[in-house]
N, C-alpha and C. Protein backbone atom coordinates (compact mmCIF):
# COMPACT_ATOMS: atom_id res chain seq x y z
N MET A 1 0.82 -1.18 0.00
CA MET A 1 0.00 0.00 0.00
C MET A 1 0.88 1.25 0.00
N ASN A 2 0.65 2.10 -0.94
CA ASN A 2 1.33 3.39 -1.00
C ASN A 2 0.28 4.48 -1.07
N TYR A 3 0.44 5.51 -0.25
CA TYR A 3 -0.52 6.60 -0.20
C TYR A 3 0.20 7.93 -0.21
N LYS A 4 -0.44 8.92 -0.78
CA LYS A 4 0.08 10.29 -0.75
C LYS A 4 -0.52 10.99 0.46
N VAL A 5 0.33 11.58 1.27
CA VAL A 5 -0.11 12.28 2.47
C VAL A 5 -0.42 13.74 2.11
N ASP A 6 -1.60 14.19 2.50
CA ASP A 6 -2.01 15.58 2.28
C ASP A 6 -1.36 16.45 3.35
N GLU A 7 -0.34 17.19 2.94
CA GLU A 7 0.42 18.03 3.87
C GLU A 7 0.04 19.50 3.77
N ARG A 8 -1.10 19.78 3.12
CA ARG A 8 -1.52 21.17 2.96
C ARG A 8 -1.83 21.79 4.33
N LYS A 9 -1.59 23.07 4.43
CA LYS A 9 -1.75 23.81 5.67
C LYS A 9 -3.11 23.57 6.31
N ASN A 10 -4.19 23.70 5.56
CA ASN A 10 -5.52 23.56 6.14
C ASN A 10 -5.77 22.15 6.69
N THR A 11 -5.26 21.15 6.01
CA THR A 11 -5.40 19.77 6.49
C THR A 11 -4.62 19.58 7.77
N VAL A 12 -3.41 20.07 7.79
CA VAL A 12 -2.56 19.94 8.98
C VAL A 12 -3.20 20.68 10.17
N PHE A 13 -3.74 21.86 9.93
CA PHE A 13 -4.40 22.61 11.02
C PHE A 13 -5.60 21.85 11.56
N LYS A 14 -6.39 21.23 10.69
CA LYS A 14 -7.55 20.44 11.14
C LYS A 14 -7.08 19.29 12.04
N ILE A 15 -6.02 18.62 11.62
CA ILE A 15 -5.50 17.50 12.40
C ILE A 15 -4.96 17.99 13.75
N MET A 16 -4.22 19.09 13.73
CA MET A 16 -3.65 19.63 14.97
C MET A 16 -4.76 20.06 15.94
N GLU A 17 -5.77 20.74 15.43
CA GLU A 17 -6.89 21.16 16.29
C GLU A 17 -7.59 19.97 16.92
N MET A 18 -7.79 18.92 16.12
CA MET A 18 -8.47 17.74 16.62
C MET A 18 -7.68 17.10 17.76
N TRP A 19 -6.35 17.00 17.62
CA TRP A 19 -5.53 16.37 18.65
C TRP A 19 -5.48 17.19 19.94
N GLU A 20 -5.79 18.47 19.83
CA GLU A 20 -5.83 19.32 21.04
C GLU A 20 -7.17 19.21 21.77
N ASN A 21 -8.16 18.60 21.15
CA ASN A 21 -9.50 18.47 21.73
C ASN A 21 -9.55 17.23 22.62
N ASP A 22 -9.61 17.43 23.93
CA ASP A 22 -9.63 16.32 24.88
C ASP A 22 -10.96 15.58 24.91
N GLU A 23 -11.99 16.13 24.28
CA GLU A 23 -13.30 15.49 24.27
C GLU A 23 -13.41 14.39 23.21
N VAL A 24 -12.45 14.33 22.31
CA VAL A 24 -12.45 13.32 21.25
C VAL A 24 -11.57 12.16 21.70
N SER A 25 -12.08 10.93 21.55
CA SER A 25 -11.31 9.76 21.97
C SER A 25 -10.07 9.57 21.09
N GLU A 26 -9.08 8.89 21.63
CA GLU A 26 -7.86 8.64 20.87
C GLU A 26 -8.14 7.85 19.59
N LEU A 27 -9.02 6.87 19.67
CA LEU A 27 -9.34 6.07 18.48
C LEU A 27 -9.98 6.93 17.39
N LYS A 28 -10.87 7.82 17.77
CA LYS A 28 -11.49 8.71 16.78
C LYS A 28 -10.44 9.66 16.19
N LYS A 29 -9.49 10.09 17.01
CA LYS A 29 -8.41 10.95 16.52
C LYS A 29 -7.55 10.20 15.51
N LEU A 30 -7.25 8.94 15.80
CA LEU A 30 -6.46 8.13 14.87
C LEU A 30 -7.21 7.98 13.55
N ASP A 31 -8.50 7.63 13.63
CA ASP A 31 -9.32 7.47 12.43
C ASP A 31 -9.33 8.74 11.60
N LYS A 32 -9.62 9.87 12.24
CA LYS A 32 -9.77 11.13 11.51
C LYS A 32 -8.43 11.60 10.95
N THR A 33 -7.34 11.35 11.67
CA THR A 33 -6.01 11.71 11.17
C THR A 33 -5.75 10.99 9.86
N ILE A 34 -6.00 9.69 9.84
CA ILE A 34 -5.77 8.90 8.63
C ILE A 34 -6.70 9.36 7.51
N GLU A 35 -7.97 9.59 7.83
CA GLU A 35 -8.93 10.00 6.81
C GLU A 35 -8.57 11.37 6.22
N LEU A 36 -8.26 12.33 7.07
CA LEU A 36 -7.93 13.67 6.57
C LEU A 36 -6.63 13.67 5.76
N ALA A 37 -5.62 12.97 6.24
CA ALA A 37 -4.31 13.02 5.59
C ALA A 37 -4.20 12.14 4.35
N LEU A 38 -4.95 11.05 4.32
CA LEU A 38 -4.81 10.11 3.20
C LEU A 38 -6.03 10.06 2.29
N GLY A 39 -7.15 10.58 2.75
CA GLY A 39 -8.38 10.56 1.95
C GLY A 39 -9.30 9.44 2.37
N LYS A 40 -10.57 9.60 2.02
CA LYS A 40 -11.60 8.64 2.43
C LYS A 40 -11.37 7.24 1.88
N GLU A 41 -10.96 7.15 0.62
CA GLU A 41 -10.74 5.83 0.00
C GLU A 41 -9.60 5.08 0.68
N ALA A 42 -8.50 5.77 0.93
CA ALA A 42 -7.36 5.14 1.62
C ALA A 42 -7.74 4.77 3.05
N TYR A 43 -8.49 5.66 3.72
CA TYR A 43 -8.94 5.37 5.08
C TYR A 43 -9.76 4.09 5.11
N LYS A 44 -10.69 3.96 4.17
CA LYS A 44 -11.55 2.78 4.12
C LYS A 44 -10.71 1.51 3.89
N GLU A 45 -9.76 1.62 2.98
CA GLU A 45 -8.88 0.47 2.68
C GLU A 45 -8.07 0.06 3.92
N ILE A 46 -7.52 1.04 4.61
CA ILE A 46 -6.73 0.76 5.82
C ILE A 46 -7.62 0.21 6.92
N ASP A 47 -8.80 0.81 7.09
CA ASP A 47 -9.74 0.38 8.13
C ASP A 47 -10.16 -1.07 7.93
N GLU A 48 -10.34 -1.46 6.67
CA GLU A 48 -10.79 -2.82 6.36
C GLU A 48 -9.65 -3.83 6.31
N ALA A 49 -8.42 -3.37 6.44
CA ALA A 49 -7.26 -4.27 6.34
C ALA A 49 -7.11 -5.17 7.57
N GLY A 50 -7.75 -4.81 8.67
CA GLY A 50 -7.71 -5.66 9.85
C GLY A 50 -6.43 -5.55 10.66
N PHE A 51 -5.82 -4.37 10.66
CA PHE A 51 -4.62 -4.16 11.46
C PHE A 51 -4.91 -4.29 12.95
N SER A 52 -3.91 -4.70 13.71
CA SER A 52 -4.03 -4.65 15.17
C SER A 52 -4.07 -3.18 15.57
N ILE A 53 -4.49 -2.89 16.78
CA ILE A 53 -4.55 -1.49 17.24
C ILE A 53 -3.15 -0.88 17.25
N ASN A 54 -2.14 -1.64 17.60
CA ASN A 54 -0.77 -1.11 17.61
C ASN A 54 -0.28 -0.77 16.20
N ASP A 55 -0.61 -1.62 15.23
CA ASP A 55 -0.24 -1.33 13.85
C ASP A 55 -1.00 -0.12 13.32
N TYR A 56 -2.27 -0.01 13.72
CA TYR A 56 -3.10 1.12 13.30
C TYR A 56 -2.54 2.42 13.87
N LYS A 57 -2.09 2.38 15.12
CA LYS A 57 -1.47 3.56 15.74
C LYS A 57 -0.18 3.92 14.99
N THR A 58 0.56 2.91 14.57
CA THR A 58 1.80 3.15 13.83
C THR A 58 1.52 3.87 12.51
N VAL A 59 0.45 3.47 11.82
CA VAL A 59 0.07 4.14 10.57
C VAL A 59 -0.23 5.62 10.86
N ALA A 60 -1.04 5.88 11.88
CA ALA A 60 -1.39 7.26 12.22
C ALA A 60 -0.15 8.06 12.64
N MET A 61 0.73 7.44 13.41
CA MET A 61 1.95 8.12 13.84
C MET A 61 2.85 8.44 12.64
N ALA A 62 2.92 7.52 11.69
CA ALA A 62 3.72 7.76 10.48
C ALA A 62 3.16 8.95 9.70
N VAL A 63 1.84 9.02 9.60
CA VAL A 63 1.20 10.15 8.92
C VAL A 63 1.54 11.45 9.64
N MET A 64 1.42 11.45 10.96
CA MET A 64 1.70 12.67 11.73
C MET A 64 3.18 13.06 11.65
N ALA A 65 4.05 12.07 11.59
CA ALA A 65 5.48 12.36 11.44
C ALA A 65 5.74 13.03 10.09
N ILE A 66 5.11 12.52 9.05
CA ILE A 66 5.30 13.10 7.72
C ILE A 66 4.82 14.54 7.68
N ILE A 67 3.63 14.81 8.23
CA ILE A 67 3.11 16.18 8.15
C ILE A 67 3.86 17.13 9.07
N SER A 68 4.58 16.60 10.05
CA SER A 68 5.37 17.46 10.93
C SER A 68 6.82 17.57 10.47
N GLY A 69 7.17 16.86 9.39
CA GLY A 69 8.52 16.94 8.85
C GLY A 69 9.57 16.24 9.69
N GLN A 70 9.15 15.21 10.44
CA GLN A 70 10.07 14.49 11.30
C GLN A 70 10.11 13.02 10.89
N SER A 71 11.15 12.33 11.37
CA SER A 71 11.17 10.88 11.20
C SER A 71 10.15 10.28 12.16
N ILE A 72 9.76 9.06 11.92
CA ILE A 72 8.80 8.40 12.82
C ILE A 72 9.39 8.32 14.23
N GLU A 73 10.67 8.00 14.32
CA GLU A 73 11.32 7.88 15.62
C GLU A 73 11.29 9.21 16.38
N GLU A 74 11.61 10.31 15.67
CA GLU A 74 11.59 11.63 16.31
C GLU A 74 10.18 11.97 16.79
N PHE A 75 9.20 11.72 15.94
CA PHE A 75 7.83 12.06 16.29
C PHE A 75 7.35 11.24 17.48
N GLU A 76 7.59 9.92 17.45
CA GLU A 76 7.16 9.07 18.56
C GLU A 76 7.82 9.49 19.86
N SER A 77 9.08 9.83 19.80
CA SER A 77 9.80 10.28 21.00
C SER A 77 9.15 11.54 21.55
N ARG A 78 8.88 12.50 20.70
CA ARG A 78 8.25 13.75 21.13
C ARG A 78 6.82 13.52 21.61
N PHE A 79 6.10 12.65 20.94
CA PHE A 79 4.71 12.35 21.29
C PHE A 79 4.62 11.71 22.68
N HIS A 80 5.54 10.80 22.96
CA HIS A 80 5.50 10.09 24.25
C HIS A 80 6.01 10.97 25.40
N GLU A 81 6.75 12.03 25.10
CA GLU A 81 7.22 12.95 26.13
C GLU A 81 6.08 13.82 26.67
N GLN A 82 5.04 14.00 25.87
CA GLN A 82 3.93 14.89 26.28
C GLN A 82 3.05 14.26 27.31
């Protein structure tokens, strides 16, 4: 599976705003991050792939690393520090 990540400013702002909202569950944040950054068709394909929750989190983290201009390792390190 290869997908193009939408790194446009408005998409990134939507994702950032959503992650700052404590009323949204982590799973919904993961879903919406993937949907916004990769598109509805890619989201559906990934959702139906049957990934474990840890693998699904890895996909979302990879997307967030790409839109933040960091390696996955850098992003995960920063994410877990918060």
